[in-house]
Amino acid sequence: MLNFILNGLPFSTDEGINILELLKIKNINPQGIAIAINQEVIPKIDWENIMIHNNDNIIIITATAGG
């Protein structure tokens, strides 16, 4: 079992998933979001190649319109 923090809350899932698979599990549309793992922003081009590890701290930020 894989345990990590997602947007400040504990989250568990099967081991061996990448960022895109996490987005599918959480039913999150990958358009208009940014992702940081352990305070490092991950470029969208790398999402398929970056694996999630135990104790990672993942933040998903959704862009909003307005100002």
N, C-alpha and C. Protein backbone atom coordinates (compact mmCIF):
# COMPACT_ATOMS: atom_id res chain seq x y z
N MET A 1 0.84 -1.18 0.00
CA MET A 1 0.00 0.00 0.00
C MET A 1 0.89 1.24 0.00
N LEU A 2 0.48 2.22 -0.76
CA LEU A 2 1.20 3.48 -0.91
C LEU A 2 0.49 4.55 -0.10
N ASN A 3 1.21 5.19 0.82
CA ASN A 3 0.64 6.23 1.68
C ASN A 3 1.36 7.54 1.46
N PHE A 4 0.59 8.59 1.21
CA PHE A 4 1.18 9.91 0.99
C PHE A 4 0.19 10.97 1.38
N ILE A 5 0.60 12.22 1.31
CA ILE A 5 -0.26 13.35 1.63
C ILE A 5 -0.70 14.00 0.31
N LEU A 6 -2.00 14.19 0.17
CA LEU A 6 -2.55 14.82 -1.04
C LEU A 6 -3.35 16.05 -0.61
N ASN A 7 -2.86 17.22 -0.99
CA ASN A 7 -3.50 18.48 -0.61
C ASN A 7 -3.78 18.55 0.89
N GLY A 8 -2.79 18.13 1.67
CA GLY A 8 -2.86 18.25 3.12
C GLY A 8 -3.57 17.12 3.85
N LEU A 9 -4.09 16.13 3.11
CA LEU A 9 -4.82 15.02 3.73
C LEU A 9 -4.14 13.70 3.42
N PRO A 10 -4.16 12.76 4.37
CA PRO A 10 -3.59 11.43 4.10
C PRO A 10 -4.36 10.74 2.98
N PHE A 11 -3.62 10.03 2.13
CA PHE A 11 -4.24 9.30 1.02
C PHE A 11 -3.48 8.00 0.82
N SER A 12 -4.20 6.94 0.53
CA SER A 12 -3.60 5.63 0.29
C SER A 12 -4.14 5.06 -1.01
N THR A 13 -3.27 4.35 -1.72
CA THR A 13 -3.68 3.69 -2.96
C THR A 13 -2.69 2.56 -3.23
N ASP A 14 -2.92 1.84 -4.32
CA ASP A 14 -1.99 0.78 -4.70
C ASP A 14 -0.63 1.37 -5.05
N GLU A 15 0.41 0.60 -4.86
CA GLU A 15 1.76 1.05 -5.21
C GLU A 15 1.95 1.05 -6.72
N GLY A 16 2.97 1.77 -7.16
CA GLY A 16 3.34 1.77 -8.57
C GLY A 16 2.46 2.63 -9.45
N ILE A 17 2.05 3.81 -8.96
CA ILE A 17 1.27 4.70 -9.81
C ILE A 17 2.06 5.97 -10.10
N ASN A 18 1.76 6.55 -11.25
CA ASN A 18 2.38 7.81 -11.62
C ASN A 18 1.36 8.94 -11.42
N ILE A 19 1.75 10.15 -11.74
CA ILE A 19 0.88 11.30 -11.52
C ILE A 19 -0.40 11.20 -12.34
N LEU A 20 -0.31 10.82 -13.60
CA LEU A 20 -1.51 10.71 -14.43
C LEU A 20 -2.48 9.68 -13.87
N GLU A 21 -1.97 8.58 -13.37
CA GLU A 21 -2.84 7.55 -12.78
C GLU A 21 -3.52 8.08 -11.52
N LEU A 22 -2.80 8.87 -10.72
CA LEU A 22 -3.42 9.48 -9.55
C LEU A 22 -4.57 10.39 -9.95
N LEU A 23 -4.37 11.19 -11.00
CA LEU A 23 -5.44 12.07 -11.46
C LEU A 23 -6.66 11.27 -11.90
N LYS A 24 -6.45 10.13 -12.55
CA LYS A 24 -7.57 9.27 -12.95
C LYS A 24 -8.29 8.71 -11.73
N ILE A 25 -7.53 8.26 -10.73
CA ILE A 25 -8.12 7.72 -9.51
C ILE A 25 -8.99 8.77 -8.82
N LYS A 26 -8.50 10.00 -8.78
CA LYS A 26 -9.22 11.09 -8.11
C LYS A 26 -10.24 11.77 -9.03
N ASN A 27 -10.34 11.31 -10.28
CA ASN A 27 -11.26 11.89 -11.26
C ASN A 27 -11.02 13.39 -11.43
N ILE A 28 -9.75 13.75 -11.61
CA ILE A 28 -9.34 15.14 -11.80
C ILE A 28 -8.94 15.35 -13.25
N ASN A 29 -9.55 16.35 -13.88
CA ASN A 29 -9.21 16.70 -15.25
C ASN A 29 -7.82 17.34 -15.25
N PRO A 30 -6.89 16.84 -16.07
CA PRO A 30 -5.52 17.37 -16.06
C PRO A 30 -5.38 18.76 -16.69
N GLN A 31 -6.44 19.29 -17.27
CA GLN A 31 -6.36 20.62 -17.87
C GLN A 31 -6.45 21.70 -16.80
N GLY A 32 -5.57 22.66 -16.85
CA GLY A 32 -5.64 23.81 -15.97
C GLY A 32 -5.20 23.55 -14.54
N ILE A 33 -4.35 22.55 -14.34
CA ILE A 33 -3.84 22.30 -12.99
C ILE A 33 -2.32 22.29 -13.00
N ALA A 34 -1.77 22.46 -11.82
CA ALA A 34 -0.33 22.33 -11.60
C ALA A 34 -0.15 21.35 -10.45
N ILE A 35 0.97 20.62 -10.48
CA ILE A 35 1.25 19.63 -9.45
C ILE A 35 2.65 19.84 -8.91
N ALA A 36 2.74 19.80 -7.58
CA ALA A 36 4.04 19.85 -6.92
C ALA A 36 4.16 18.62 -6.03
N ILE A 37 5.33 18.00 -6.06
CA ILE A 37 5.64 16.88 -5.17
C ILE A 37 6.82 17.30 -4.32
N ASN A 38 6.62 17.24 -3.01
CA ASN A 38 7.67 17.64 -2.07
C ASN A 38 8.22 19.02 -2.39
N GLN A 39 7.32 19.95 -2.68
CA GLN A 39 7.61 21.36 -2.94
C GLN A 39 8.35 21.60 -4.25
N GLU A 40 8.32 20.64 -5.16
CA GLU A 40 8.93 20.82 -6.48
C GLU A 40 7.85 20.70 -7.54
N VAL A 41 7.65 21.76 -8.33
CA VAL A 41 6.65 21.74 -9.39
C VAL A 41 7.11 20.77 -10.47
N ILE A 42 6.18 19.90 -10.88
CA ILE A 42 6.49 18.88 -11.88
C ILE A 42 5.91 19.33 -13.22
N PRO A 43 6.74 19.48 -14.25
CA PRO A 43 6.22 19.85 -15.57
C PRO A 43 5.24 18.80 -16.10
N LYS A 44 4.19 19.26 -16.73
CA LYS A 44 3.14 18.37 -17.24
C LYS A 44 3.71 17.28 -18.16
N ILE A 45 4.73 17.60 -18.90
CA ILE A 45 5.33 16.63 -19.82
C ILE A 45 5.91 15.41 -19.07
N ASP A 46 6.21 15.58 -17.78
CA ASP A 46 6.81 14.50 -16.99
C ASP A 46 5.80 13.70 -16.17
N TRP A 47 4.53 14.09 -16.16
CA TRP A 47 3.55 13.45 -15.29
C TRP A 47 3.45 11.94 -15.48
N GLU A 48 3.59 11.48 -16.72
CA GLU A 48 3.48 10.04 -16.98
C GLU A 48 4.70 9.28 -16.45
N ASN A 49 5.83 9.96 -16.31
CA ASN A 49 7.07 9.29 -15.92
C ASN A 49 7.41 9.40 -14.43
N ILE A 50 6.75 10.29 -13.72
CA ILE A 50 7.05 10.50 -12.30
C ILE A 50 6.18 9.58 -11.46
N MET A 51 6.84 8.68 -10.74
CA MET A 51 6.14 7.75 -9.87
C MET A 51 5.96 8.38 -8.49
N ILE A 52 4.85 8.03 -7.84
CA ILE A 52 4.57 8.52 -6.50
C ILE A 52 5.16 7.53 -5.50
N HIS A 53 5.76 8.06 -4.43
CA HIS A 53 6.41 7.24 -3.43
C HIS A 53 5.76 7.44 -2.05
N ASN A 54 6.00 6.50 -1.16
CA ASN A 54 5.54 6.63 0.21
C ASN A 54 6.02 7.95 0.80
N ASN A 55 5.15 8.57 1.56
CA ASN A 55 5.44 9.80 2.28
C ASN A 55 5.63 11.03 1.40
N ASP A 56 5.35 10.94 0.09
CA ASP A 56 5.39 12.13 -0.75
C ASP A 56 4.33 13.11 -0.27
N ASN A 57 4.59 14.38 -0.45
CA ASN A 57 3.63 15.43 -0.16
C ASN A 57 3.24 16.05 -1.50
N ILE A 58 2.03 15.76 -1.94
CA ILE A 58 1.57 16.17 -3.28
C ILE A 58 0.53 17.28 -3.14
N ILE A 59 0.73 18.33 -3.92
CA ILE A 59 -0.22 19.43 -3.96
C ILE A 59 -0.72 19.58 -5.40
N ILE A 60 -2.03 19.56 -5.55
CA ILE A 60 -2.66 19.80 -6.85
C ILE A 60 -3.34 21.15 -6.78
N ILE A 61 -2.94 22.05 -7.67
CA ILE A 61 -3.47 23.41 -7.69
C ILE A 61 -4.30 23.58 -8.97
N THR A 62 -5.51 24.06 -8.81
CA THR A 62 -6.40 24.29 -9.95
C THR A 62 -6.40 25.77 -10.28
N ALA A 63 -6.19 26.08 -11.56
CA ALA A 63 -6.24 27.47 -12.00
C ALA A 63 -7.69 27.93 -12.03
N THR A 64 -7.91 29.17 -11.61
CA THR A 64 -9.24 29.74 -11.66
C THR A 64 -9.19 31.06 -12.42
N ALA A 65 -10.29 31.36 -13.09
CA ALA A 65 -10.37 32.61 -13.84
C ALA A 65 -10.84 33.72 -12.91
N GLY A 66 -10.51 34.91 -13.26
CA GLY A 66 -10.96 36.06 -12.46
C GLY A 66 -9.80 36.93 -12.08
N GLY A 67 -10.04 37.87 -11.24
CA GLY A 67 -8.94 38.71 -10.83
C GLY A 67 -9.35 39.97 -10.29
